[in-house]
Amino acid sequence: MIRRWSEQVHYNLMLLPGIVLVLLFSVWPMGGIILAFKDFSPTKGIWGSSWVGWENYELLFDTPVAMQVFTNTVVIALMKMTIGFVVPIVFALMLNELRIRWFKRTMQTIVYLPHFLSWVLIAGILRDMFAIDGIVNEWLHSQFGLEPTMFLAEHFWFRTIIIGSDVWKEFGFGTIVYLAALTAINPSLYEAAEIDGASRMKKLRYITLPGIVPMIVLVGTLSMQNVLNAGFDQIFNLYNTLVYDSSDIIDTYVYRAGLEEGRFEIATAVGLLKSAISFVLVVSSYALASRFANYRIF
C-alpha cells in the first residue's frame, strides 16, 4: 500500500490546492452560522455575544416579510424551472428535425451564447430596453398607440421579465444536453420506421421522445434542488423598492438584512434555514435521479 501511495503521490499533491481552497473559503466560514443563535454585538464579537437559542427564528417567522420572501422565492423559482424545463426540450426536438446542417449548427451556437453573459451585462441591456424611453415602449407607442409603461416597476411585468430573461439566457445550454441525448438514439430505428412508412410525427412520438426520456427524467429530478434558488444575481441587478413585494427573495433579503441593515444574526438565520432546506432537496433529487434515471456520482 505504501508503494502504491508513493506511485500516486503526485496525483494526490495535485488535489492539495483545491482542498486548501475548500477548507479556507467553504469549511472555515461555516463557523459563522452560530450567529443564527446569538444576539450579535460587533463590540463583543461572535464568541462574546450572548446566546438566544431560537429567538432569531421566532422573530423571523413573526414578521410578515418572512412569508412574503419565501413565497416569492418558491413562486419565481418554480416558474423558472417549469418554463425552463419545457423550452429546451421543444427547441431541441425542432432543431433535430432540421436537415440543413450549417443552419442547425448556427442556431445551436446562437442560442448557447447568452449562457456566457453575466447578469450585470444583461441587466443593463434590459434596463435600457424596458425604460420609459426605451425601444420597447417606443415600439408599442408607434405600433399600437400605447402609453409608456414602467415595466421594471410593475409587479406583473417585473416577474414576467425576470422569468423570460432567465429562460432566454439558459435554454440554449439545456438544448445542447438534449441534442447530445438525441445523438445516442440508434439510427437503425429511424431506418426501420421509414421502411414501415412511418411519418415524421410518428417517428418523433415513438422513437425520438422515448429515446430522451431518461435525460428528461434526470434533468427534471435534479432541477428540484433549485426550488429555493430564484437567482440572486439576476434579481439583485434588476429589482427596486417598488417591486419588493413581488420580487424580494431569500438571497436578496439576506443581503439587505445583513449588509445594509446590519442585522447579521437575522441574515444568518435565514441563510442557514435556506441551506438546510436546500440540503434536503439536493439529497432527495439525487435519490430520485438515482432511482428513475440510474444517475449516480458515487
C-alpha atoms as a PDB file:
ATOM      1  CA  MET A   1       0.000   0.000   0.000  1.00  0.00           C
ATOM      2  CA  ILE A   2       2.934   2.312   0.791  1.00  0.00           C
ATOM      3  CA  ARG A   3       4.381   1.574  -2.647  1.00  0.00           C
ATOM      4  CA  ARG A   4       1.041   2.400  -4.247  1.00  0.00           C
ATOM      5  CA  TRP A   5       0.884   5.690  -2.297  1.00  0.00           C
ATOM      6  CA  SER A   6       4.404   6.652  -3.418  1.00  0.00           C
ATOM      7  CA  GLU A   7       3.473   5.961  -7.047  1.00  0.00           C
ATOM      8  CA  GLN A   8       0.382   8.165  -6.814  1.00  0.00           C
ATOM      9  CA  VAL A   9       1.737  10.899  -4.554  1.00  0.00           C
ATOM     10  CA  HIS A  10       1.979  13.430  -7.393  1.00  0.00           C
ATOM     11  CA  TYR A  11      -1.739  12.914  -8.158  1.00  0.00           C
ATOM     12  CA  ASN A  12      -2.606  13.486  -4.504  1.00  0.00           C
ATOM     13  CA  LEU A  13      -0.462  16.622  -4.407  1.00  0.00           C
ATOM     14  CA  MET A  14      -2.449  17.989  -7.353  1.00  0.00           C
ATOM     15  CA  LEU A  15      -5.541  17.840  -5.128  1.00  0.00           C
ATOM     16  CA  LEU A  16      -3.862  19.850  -2.380  1.00  0.00           C
ATOM     17  CA  PRO A  17      -4.594  23.402  -3.721  1.00  0.00           C
ATOM     18  CA  GLY A  18      -8.264  22.544  -4.204  1.00  0.00           C
ATOM     19  CA  ILE A  19      -8.543  21.036  -0.724  1.00  0.00           C
ATOM     20  CA  VAL A  20      -6.891  24.111   0.822  1.00  0.00           C
ATOM     21  CA  LEU A  21      -9.288  26.468  -1.006  1.00  0.00           C
ATOM     22  CA  VAL A  22     -12.332  24.447   0.074  1.00  0.00           C
ATOM     23  CA  LEU A  23     -11.180  24.377   3.696  1.00  0.00           C
ATOM     24  CA  LEU A  24     -10.305  28.078   3.683  1.00  0.00           C
ATOM     25  CA  PHE A  25     -13.331  29.538   1.882  1.00  0.00           C
ATOM     26  CA  SER A  26     -16.071  26.902   2.379  1.00  0.00           C
ATOM     27  CA  VAL A  27     -15.455  24.952   5.602  1.00  0.00           C
ATOM     28  CA  TRP A  28     -13.840  27.564   7.886  1.00  0.00           C
ATOM     29  CA  PRO A  29     -16.503  30.304   7.291  1.00  0.00           C
ATOM     30  CA  MET A  30     -19.224  27.817   8.309  1.00  0.00           C
ATOM     31  CA  GLY A  31     -18.310  28.535  11.919  1.00  0.00           C
ATOM     32  CA  GLY A  32     -20.178  31.811  11.458  1.00  0.00           C
ATOM     33  CA  ILE A  33     -23.539  30.012  11.360  1.00  0.00           C
ATOM     34  CA  ILE A  34     -23.654  30.194  15.168  1.00  0.00           C
ATOM     35  CA  LEU A  35     -24.666  33.831  14.645  1.00  0.00           C
ATOM     36  CA  ALA A  36     -28.152  32.475  13.903  1.00  0.00           C
ATOM     37  CA  PHE A  37     -28.450  31.561  17.590  1.00  0.00           C
ATOM     38  CA  LYS A  38     -26.840  34.664  19.116  1.00  0.00           C
ATOM     39  CA  ASP A  39     -27.696  38.295  19.828  1.00  0.00           C
ATOM     40  CA  PHE A  40     -24.758  39.616  17.837  1.00  0.00           C
ATOM     41  CA  SER A  41     -22.888  42.649  19.091  1.00  0.00           C
ATOM     42  CA  PRO A  42     -19.984  43.912  16.934  1.00  0.00           C
ATOM     43  CA  THR A  43     -18.138  45.134  20.035  1.00  0.00           C
ATOM     44  CA  LYS A  44     -18.265  41.675  21.664  1.00  0.00           C
ATOM     45  CA  GLY A  45     -17.622  39.664  18.510  1.00  0.00           C
ATOM     46  CA  ILE A  46     -19.139  36.325  17.525  1.00  0.00           C
ATOM     47  CA  TRP A  47     -17.936  34.336  20.524  1.00  0.00           C
ATOM     48  CA  GLY A  48     -18.567  37.132  23.067  1.00  0.00           C
ATOM     49  CA  SER A  49     -22.180  37.752  22.030  1.00  0.00           C
ATOM     50  CA  SER A  50     -24.862  36.124  24.167  1.00  0.00           C
ATOM     51  CA  TRP A  51     -26.789  33.002  23.111  1.00  0.00           C
ATOM     52  CA  VAL A  52     -30.504  33.484  22.393  1.00  0.00           C
ATOM     53  CA  GLY A  53     -31.460  29.996  21.201  1.00  0.00           C
ATOM     54  CA  TRP A  54     -34.266  30.009  18.592  1.00  0.00           C
ATOM     55  CA  GLU A  55     -35.231  33.612  19.328  1.00  0.00           C
ATOM     56  CA  ASN A  56     -33.986  34.868  15.941  1.00  0.00           C
ATOM     57  CA  TYR A  57     -36.143  32.308  14.134  1.00  0.00           C
ATOM     58  CA  GLU A  58     -39.186  33.192  16.266  1.00  0.00           C
ATOM     59  CA  LEU A  59     -38.605  36.858  15.426  1.00  0.00           C
ATOM     60  CA  LEU A  60     -38.179  35.979  11.769  1.00  0.00           C
ATOM     61  CA  PHE A  61     -41.428  33.998  11.480  1.00  0.00           C
ATOM     62  CA  ASP A  62     -43.364  36.643  13.406  1.00  0.00           C
ATOM     63  CA  THR A  63     -42.651  39.207  10.693  1.00  0.00           C
ATOM     64  CA  PRO A  64     -44.824  39.263   7.537  1.00  0.00           C
ATOM     65  CA  VAL A  65     -41.691  39.795   5.427  1.00  0.00           C
ATOM     66  CA  ALA A  66     -40.561  36.202   6.031  1.00  0.00           C
ATOM     67  CA  MET A  67     -43.623  34.598   4.436  1.00  0.00           C
ATOM     68  CA  GLN A  68     -43.509  37.105   1.571  1.00  0.00           C
ATOM     69  CA  VAL A  69     -39.841  36.379   0.884  1.00  0.00           C
ATOM     70  CA  PHE A  70     -40.292  32.597   0.966  1.00  0.00           C
ATOM     71  CA  THR A  71     -43.386  32.806  -1.246  1.00  0.00           C
ATOM     72  CA  ASN A  72     -41.626  34.995  -3.807  1.00  0.00           C
ATOM     73  CA  THR A  73     -38.644  32.656  -3.848  1.00  0.00           C
ATOM     74  CA  VAL A  74     -40.684  29.497  -4.413  1.00  0.00           C
ATOM     75  CA  VAL A  75     -43.044  31.070  -6.983  1.00  0.00           C
ATOM     76  CA  ILE A  76     -40.268  32.622  -9.088  1.00  0.00           C
ATOM     77  CA  ALA A  77     -38.068  29.508  -8.866  1.00  0.00           C
ATOM     78  CA  LEU A  78     -40.907  27.135  -9.794  1.00  0.00           C
ATOM     79  CA  MET A  79     -41.955  29.254 -12.779  1.00  0.00           C
ATOM     80  CA  LYS A  80     -38.352  29.412 -13.992  1.00  0.00           C
ATOM     81  CA  MET A  81     -37.947  25.656 -13.537  1.00  0.00           C
ATOM     82  CA  THR A  82     -41.201  24.787 -15.310  1.00  0.00           C
ATOM     83  CA  ILE A  83     -40.764  27.014 -18.349  1.00  0.00           C
ATOM     84  CA  GLY A  84     -37.013  26.477 -18.443  1.00  0.00           C
ATOM     85  CA  PHE A  85     -37.626  22.724 -18.387  1.00  0.00           C
ATOM     86  CA  VAL A  86     -40.066  22.615 -21.314  1.00  0.00           C
ATOM     87  CA  VAL A  87     -38.498  25.140 -23.716  1.00  0.00           C
ATOM     88  CA  PRO A  88     -35.127  23.314 -24.213  1.00  0.00           C
ATOM     89  CA  ILE A  89     -36.918  20.018 -24.951  1.00  0.00           C
ATOM     90  CA  VAL A  90     -39.187  21.593 -27.575  1.00  0.00           C
ATOM     91  CA  PHE A  91     -36.329  23.570 -29.153  1.00  0.00           C
ATOM     92  CA  ALA A  92     -34.024  20.518 -29.248  1.00  0.00           C
ATOM     93  CA  LEU A  93     -36.729  18.483 -30.990  1.00  0.00           C
ATOM     94  CA  MET A  94     -37.258  21.289 -33.521  1.00  0.00           C
ATOM     95  CA  LEU A  95     -33.519  21.584 -34.194  1.00  0.00           C
ATOM     96  CA  ASN A  96     -33.267  17.818 -34.559  1.00  0.00           C
ATOM     97  CA  GLU A  97     -35.804  17.929 -37.387  1.00  0.00           C
ATOM     98  CA  LEU A  98     -33.730  20.420 -39.383  1.00  0.00           C
ATOM     99  CA  ARG A  99     -31.915  18.915 -42.353  1.00  0.00           C
ATOM    100  CA  ILE A 100     -29.686  21.902 -43.225  1.00  0.00           C
ATOM    101  CA  ARG A 101     -26.618  21.235 -41.098  1.00  0.00           C
ATOM    102  CA  TRP A 102     -24.985  24.681 -41.235  1.00  0.00           C
ATOM    103  CA  PHE A 103     -28.246  26.375 -40.216  1.00  0.00           C
ATOM    104  CA  LYS A 104     -28.751  23.873 -37.412  1.00  0.00           C
ATOM    105  CA  ARG A 105     -25.231  24.456 -36.036  1.00  0.00           C
ATOM    106  CA  THR A 106     -25.589  28.239 -36.369  1.00  0.00           C
ATOM    107  CA  MET A 107     -28.857  28.246 -34.425  1.00  0.00           C
ATOM    108  CA  GLN A 108     -27.324  25.962 -31.828  1.00  0.00           C
ATOM    109  CA  THR A 109     -24.419  28.377 -31.314  1.00  0.00           C
ATOM    110  CA  ILE A 110     -26.616  31.496 -31.233  1.00  0.00           C
ATOM    111  CA  VAL A 111     -28.942  30.184 -28.521  1.00  0.00           C
ATOM    112  CA  TYR A 112     -25.987  28.890 -26.486  1.00  0.00           C
ATOM    113  CA  LEU A 113     -24.098  32.227 -26.401  1.00  0.00           C
ATOM    114  CA  PRO A 114     -26.302  34.033 -23.776  1.00  0.00           C
ATOM    115  CA  HIS A 115     -25.290  31.377 -21.233  1.00  0.00           C
ATOM    116  CA  PHE A 116     -21.850  33.036 -21.053  1.00  0.00           C
ATOM    117  CA  LEU A 117     -23.133  36.575 -20.481  1.00  0.00           C
ATOM    118  CA  SER A 118     -23.165  37.929 -16.929  1.00  0.00           C
ATOM    119  CA  TRP A 119     -26.366  39.185 -15.326  1.00  0.00           C
ATOM    120  CA  VAL A 120     -24.698  42.577 -14.830  1.00  0.00           C
ATOM    121  CA  LEU A 121     -24.438  42.989 -18.588  1.00  0.00           C
ATOM    122  CA  ILE A 122     -27.890  41.554 -19.323  1.00  0.00           C
ATOM    123  CA  ALA A 123     -29.488  43.693 -16.602  1.00  0.00           C
ATOM    124  CA  GLY A 124     -28.011  46.823 -18.215  1.00  0.00           C
ATOM    125  CA  ILE A 125     -29.444  45.824 -21.589  1.00  0.00           C
ATOM    126  CA  LEU A 126     -32.868  45.032 -20.104  1.00  0.00           C
ATOM    127  CA  ARG A 127     -32.981  48.354 -18.217  1.00  0.00           C
ATOM    128  CA  ASP A 128     -32.342  50.253 -21.442  1.00  0.00           C
ATOM    129  CA  MET A 129     -34.824  48.186 -23.428  1.00  0.00           C
ATOM    130  CA  PHE A 130     -37.699  48.476 -20.916  1.00  0.00           C
ATOM    131  CA  ALA A 131     -37.078  52.069 -19.800  1.00  0.00           C
ATOM    132  CA  ILE A 132     -39.789  54.721 -20.272  1.00  0.00           C
ATOM    133  CA  ASP A 133     -37.972  55.982 -23.370  1.00  0.00           C
ATOM    134  CA  GLY A 134     -36.645  52.524 -24.279  1.00  0.00           C
ATOM    135  CA  ILE A 135     -37.065  50.648 -27.518  1.00  0.00           C
ATOM    136  CA  VAL A 136     -39.980  48.526 -26.235  1.00  0.00           C
ATOM    137  CA  ASN A 137     -42.114  51.491 -25.159  1.00  0.00           C
ATOM    138  CA  GLU A 138     -41.309  53.385 -28.362  1.00  0.00           C
ATOM    139  CA  TRP A 139     -42.316  50.396 -30.484  1.00  0.00           C
ATOM    140  CA  LEU A 140     -45.569  49.838 -28.563  1.00  0.00           C
ATOM    141  CA  HIS A 141     -46.411  53.534 -28.885  1.00  0.00           C
ATOM    142  CA  SER A 142     -45.629  53.704 -32.607  1.00  0.00           C
ATOM    143  CA  GLN A 143     -47.447  50.442 -33.481  1.00  0.00           C
ATOM    144  CA  PHE A 144     -50.428  50.448 -31.099  1.00  0.00           C
ATOM    145  CA  GLY A 145     -50.509  53.964 -29.620  1.00  0.00           C
ATOM    146  CA  LEU A 146     -49.958  52.641 -26.069  1.00  0.00           C
ATOM    147  CA  GLU A 147     -48.793  54.937 -23.300  1.00  0.00           C
ATOM    148  CA  PRO A 148     -45.287  54.294 -21.880  1.00  0.00           C
ATOM    149  CA  THR A 149     -45.149  51.693 -19.102  1.00  0.00           C
ATOM    150  CA  MET A 150     -42.606  51.350 -16.300  1.00  0.00           C
ATOM    151  CA  PHE A 151     -42.111  47.630 -16.883  1.00  0.00           C
ATOM    152  CA  LEU A 152     -39.471  47.160 -14.177  1.00  0.00           C
ATOM    153  CA  ALA A 153     -41.600  48.981 -11.604  1.00  0.00           C
ATOM    154  CA  GLU A 154     -44.796  46.892 -12.007  1.00  0.00           C
ATOM    155  CA  HIS A 155     -45.164  43.566 -10.233  1.00  0.00           C
ATOM    156  CA  PHE A 156     -46.616  41.568 -13.122  1.00  0.00           C
ATOM    157  CA  TRP A 157     -44.208  42.817 -15.771  1.00  0.00           C
ATOM    158  CA  PHE A 158     -41.186  42.573 -13.485  1.00  0.00           C
ATOM    159  CA  ARG A 159     -41.785  38.872 -12.806  1.00  0.00           C
ATOM    160  CA  THR A 160     -42.513  38.273 -16.481  1.00  0.00           C
ATOM    161  CA  ILE A 161     -39.222  39.915 -17.487  1.00  0.00           C
ATOM    162  CA  ILE A 162     -37.334  38.024 -14.764  1.00  0.00           C
ATOM    163  CA  ILE A 163     -38.644  34.632 -15.875  1.00  0.00           C
ATOM    164  CA  GLY A 164     -38.460  35.375 -19.596  1.00  0.00           C
ATOM    165  CA  SER A 165     -34.879  36.656 -19.487  1.00  0.00           C
ATOM    166  CA  ASP A 166     -33.753  33.670 -17.387  1.00  0.00           C
ATOM    167  CA  VAL A 167     -35.274  31.203 -19.848  1.00  0.00           C
ATOM    168  CA  TRP A 168     -33.747  33.114 -22.777  1.00  0.00           C
ATOM    169  CA  LYS A 169     -30.292  33.035 -21.146  1.00  0.00           C
ATOM    170  CA  GLU A 170     -30.230  29.353 -20.164  1.00  0.00           C
ATOM    171  CA  PHE A 171     -32.401  27.396 -22.607  1.00  0.00           C
ATOM    172  CA  GLY A 172     -29.526  27.109 -25.099  1.00  0.00           C
ATOM    173  CA  PHE A 173     -27.467  25.167 -22.549  1.00  0.00           C
ATOM    174  CA  GLY A 174     -30.364  22.793 -21.914  1.00  0.00           C
ATOM    175  CA  THR A 175     -30.842  22.361 -25.643  1.00  0.00           C
ATOM    176  CA  ILE A 176     -27.247  21.157 -26.004  1.00  0.00           C
ATOM    177  CA  VAL A 177     -27.876  18.497 -23.350  1.00  0.00           C
ATOM    178  CA  TYR A 178     -30.958  17.157 -25.144  1.00  0.00           C
ATOM    179  CA  LEU A 179     -29.260  17.282 -28.559  1.00  0.00           C
ATOM    180  CA  ALA A 180     -26.456  15.162 -27.111  1.00  0.00           C
ATOM    181  CA  ALA A 181     -29.074  12.682 -25.875  1.00  0.00           C
ATOM    182  CA  LEU A 182     -30.695  12.625 -29.332  1.00  0.00           C
ATOM    183  CA  THR A 183     -27.414  11.612 -30.981  1.00  0.00           C
ATOM    184  CA  ALA A 184     -27.369   8.465 -28.810  1.00  0.00           C
ATOM    185  CA  ILE A 185     -30.553   7.113 -30.448  1.00  0.00           C
ATOM    186  CA  ASN A 186     -29.796   4.191 -32.772  1.00  0.00           C
ATOM    187  CA  PRO A 187     -30.240   5.394 -36.432  1.00  0.00           C
ATOM    188  CA  SER A 188     -31.398   1.920 -37.440  1.00  0.00           C
ATOM    189  CA  LEU A 189     -34.646   2.594 -35.572  1.00  0.00           C
ATOM    190  CA  TYR A 190     -35.412   5.513 -37.914  1.00  0.00           C
ATOM    191  CA  GLU A 191     -34.476   3.421 -40.963  1.00  0.00           C
ATOM    192  CA  ALA A 192     -36.804   0.622 -39.863  1.00  0.00           C
ATOM    193  CA  ALA A 193     -39.583   3.155 -39.247  1.00  0.00           C
ATOM    194  CA  GLU A 194     -39.134   4.653 -42.736  1.00  0.00           C
ATOM    195  CA  ILE A 195     -39.370   1.191 -44.294  1.00  0.00           C
ATOM    196  CA  ASP A 196     -42.633   0.698 -42.392  1.00  0.00           C
ATOM    197  CA  GLY A 197     -43.895   4.027 -43.774  1.00  0.00           C
ATOM    198  CA  ALA A 198     -43.879   5.967 -40.507  1.00  0.00           C
ATOM    199  CA  SER A 199     -44.367   9.735 -40.818  1.00  0.00           C
ATOM    200  CA  ARG A 200     -42.080  12.277 -39.112  1.00  0.00           C
ATOM    201  CA  MET A 201     -44.599  12.830 -36.361  1.00  0.00           C
ATOM    202  CA  LYS A 202     -44.814   9.093 -35.663  1.00  0.00           C
ATOM    203  CA  LYS A 203     -41.026   8.789 -35.576  1.00  0.00           C
ATOM    204  CA  LEU A 204     -40.948  11.722 -33.174  1.00  0.00           C
ATOM    205  CA  ARG A 205     -43.630  10.157 -30.977  1.00  0.00           C
ATOM    206  CA  TYR A 206     -42.436   6.532 -30.938  1.00  0.00           C
ATOM    207  CA  ILE A 207     -38.629   6.837 -31.326  1.00  0.00           C
ATOM    208  CA  THR A 208     -37.288  10.313 -30.550  1.00  0.00           C
ATOM    209  CA  LEU A 209     -39.268  11.161 -27.414  1.00  0.00           C
ATOM    210  CA  PRO A 210     -38.855   7.722 -25.768  1.00  0.00           C
ATOM    211  CA  GLY A 211     -35.127   7.941 -26.596  1.00  0.00           C
ATOM    212  CA  ILE A 212     -34.611  11.081 -24.483  1.00  0.00           C
ATOM    213  CA  VAL A 213     -36.989  10.202 -21.647  1.00  0.00           C
ATOM    214  CA  PRO A 214     -34.120   9.133 -19.316  1.00  0.00           C
ATOM    215  CA  MET A 215     -32.434  12.523 -19.860  1.00  0.00           C
ATOM    216  CA  ILE A 216     -35.735  14.353 -19.296  1.00  0.00           C
ATOM    217  CA  VAL A 217     -36.271  12.459 -16.039  1.00  0.00           C
ATOM    218  CA  LEU A 218     -32.687  13.135 -14.939  1.00  0.00           C
ATOM    219  CA  VAL A 219     -32.825  16.884 -15.645  1.00  0.00           C
ATOM    220  CA  GLY A 220     -36.281  17.167 -14.093  1.00  0.00           C
ATOM    221  CA  THR A 221     -35.363  15.422 -10.853  1.00  0.00           C
ATOM    222  CA  LEU A 222     -32.060  17.260 -10.454  1.00  0.00           C
ATOM    223  CA  SER A 223     -33.791  20.620 -11.013  1.00  0.00           C
ATOM    224  CA  MET A 224     -35.829  20.020  -7.828  1.00  0.00           C
ATOM    225  CA  GLN A 225     -32.840  21.154  -5.790  1.00  0.00           C
ATOM    226  CA  ASN A 226     -33.288  24.685  -7.180  1.00  0.00           C
ATOM    227  CA  VAL A 227     -36.708  25.300  -5.617  1.00  0.00           C
ATOM    228  CA  LEU A 228     -35.148  27.868  -3.260  1.00  0.00           C
ATOM    229  CA  ASN A 229     -32.669  29.277  -5.799  1.00  0.00           C
ATOM    230  CA  ALA A 230     -34.576  32.004  -7.614  1.00  0.00           C
ATOM    231  CA  GLY A 231     -31.397  33.736  -8.863  1.00  0.00           C
ATOM    232  CA  PHE A 232     -29.699  36.355  -6.692  1.00  0.00           C
ATOM    233  CA  ASP A 233     -27.536  37.904  -9.440  1.00  0.00           C
ATOM    234  CA  GLN A 234     -30.436  38.456 -11.797  1.00  0.00           C
ATOM    235  CA  ILE A 235     -32.917  39.926  -9.319  1.00  0.00           C
ATOM    236  CA  PHE A 236     -30.341  41.970  -7.412  1.00  0.00           C
ATOM    237  CA  ASN A 237     -29.283  43.713 -10.632  1.00  0.00           C
ATOM    238  CA  LEU A 238     -32.844  44.412 -11.773  1.00  0.00           C
ATOM    239  CA  TYR A 239     -35.135  44.957  -8.796  1.00  0.00           C
ATOM    240  CA  ASN A 240     -36.023  48.158  -6.961  1.00  0.00           C
ATOM    241  CA  THR A 241     -38.057  49.224  -3.939  1.00  0.00           C
ATOM    242  CA  LEU A 242     -41.277  49.471  -5.988  1.00  0.00           C
ATOM    243  CA  VAL A 243     -41.329  45.702  -6.660  1.00  0.00           C
ATOM    244  CA  TYR A 244     -40.057  44.363  -3.337  1.00  0.00           C
ATOM    245  CA  ASP A 245     -43.477  42.800  -2.611  1.00  0.00           C
ATOM    246  CA  SER A 246     -43.270  40.504  -5.625  1.00  0.00           C
ATOM    247  CA  SER A 247     -39.532  40.130  -6.211  1.00  0.00           C
ATOM    248  CA  ASP A 248     -37.729  40.117  -2.872  1.00  0.00           C
ATOM    249  CA  ILE A 249     -36.331  36.585  -2.496  1.00  0.00           C
ATOM    250  CA  ILE A 250     -34.379  34.885   0.284  1.00  0.00           C
ATOM    251  CA  ASP A 251     -30.954  35.749  -1.115  1.00  0.00           C
ATOM    252  CA  THR A 252     -31.706  39.437  -1.669  1.00  0.00           C
ATOM    253  CA  TYR A 253     -33.333  39.679   1.770  1.00  0.00           C
ATOM    254  CA  VAL A 254     -30.240  38.135   3.382  1.00  0.00           C
ATOM    255  CA  TYR A 255     -28.074  40.688   1.563  1.00  0.00           C
ATOM    256  CA  ARG A 256     -30.215  43.643   2.665  1.00  0.00           C
ATOM    257  CA  ALA A 257     -30.679  42.453   6.244  1.00  0.00           C
ATOM    258  CA  GLY A 258     -27.002  41.617   6.699  1.00  0.00           C
ATOM    259  CA  LEU A 259     -25.013  44.209   4.777  1.00  0.00           C
ATOM    260  CA  GLU A 260     -27.403  47.178   4.526  1.00  0.00           C
ATOM    261  CA  GLU A 261     -29.322  46.968   7.822  1.00  0.00           C
ATOM    262  CA  GLY A 262     -26.580  45.349   9.941  1.00  0.00           C
ATOM    263  CA  ARG A 263     -28.885  42.546  11.238  1.00  0.00           C
ATOM    264  CA  PHE A 264     -26.250  39.876  10.829  1.00  0.00           C
ATOM    265  CA  GLU A 265     -27.940  37.338  13.108  1.00  0.00           C
ATOM    266  CA  ILE A 266     -31.261  37.505  11.202  1.00  0.00           C
ATOM    267  CA  ALA A 267     -29.486  37.262   7.847  1.00  0.00           C
ATOM    268  CA  THR A 268     -27.526  34.242   9.106  1.00  0.00           C
ATOM    269  CA  ALA A 269     -30.706  32.596  10.423  1.00  0.00           C
ATOM    270  CA  VAL A 270     -32.429  32.974   7.051  1.00  0.00           C
ATOM    271  CA  GLY A 271     -29.365  31.756   5.165  1.00  0.00           C
ATOM    272  CA  LEU A 272     -28.981  28.730   7.456  1.00  0.00           C
ATOM    273  CA  LEU A 273     -32.646  27.813   7.066  1.00  0.00           C
ATOM    274  CA  LYS A 274     -32.353  28.027   3.293  1.00  0.00           C
ATOM    275  CA  SER A 275     -29.190  25.893   3.320  1.00  0.00           C
ATOM    276  CA  ALA A 276     -30.868  23.224   5.474  1.00  0.00           C
ATOM    277  CA  ILE A 277     -33.903  23.013   3.169  1.00  0.00           C
ATOM    278  CA  SER A 278     -31.676  23.052   0.073  1.00  0.00           C
ATOM    279  CA  PHE A 279     -29.614  20.184   1.504  1.00  0.00           C
ATOM    280  CA  VAL A 280     -32.750  18.088   1.910  1.00  0.00           C
ATOM    281  CA  LEU A 281     -33.813  18.950  -1.652  1.00  0.00           C
ATOM    282  CA  VAL A 282     -30.392  18.050  -3.082  1.00  0.00           C
ATOM    283  CA  VAL A 283     -30.370  14.667  -1.305  1.00  0.00           C
ATOM    284  CA  SER A 284     -33.962  13.994  -2.396  1.00  0.00           C
ATOM    285  CA  SER A 285     -33.355  14.936  -6.022  1.00  0.00           C
ATOM    286  CA  TYR A 286     -30.194  12.802  -6.102  1.00  0.00           C
ATOM    287  CA  ALA A 287     -32.109   9.830  -4.694  1.00  0.00           C
ATOM    288  CA  LEU A 288     -34.893  10.296  -7.262  1.00  0.00           C
ATOM    289  CA  ALA A 289     -32.373  10.679 -10.107  1.00  0.00           C
ATOM    290  CA  SER A 290     -30.632   7.509  -8.965  1.00  0.00           C
ATOM    291  CA  ARG A 291     -33.915   5.593  -8.830  1.00  0.00           C
ATOM    292  CA  PHE A 292     -35.643   6.792 -12.002  1.00  0.00           C
ATOM    293  CA  ALA A 293     -32.689   7.698 -14.286  1.00  0.00           C
ATOM    294  CA  ASN A 294     -29.919   5.453 -12.912  1.00  0.00           C
ATOM    295  CA  TYR A 295     -27.792   8.561 -12.235  1.00  0.00           C
ATOM    296  CA  ARG A 296     -25.003   8.143  -9.692  1.00  0.00           C
ATOM    297  CA  ILE A 297     -21.963  10.214  -8.846  1.00  0.00           C
ATOM    298  CA  PHE A 298     -20.522   7.859  -6.245  1.00  0.00           C
END
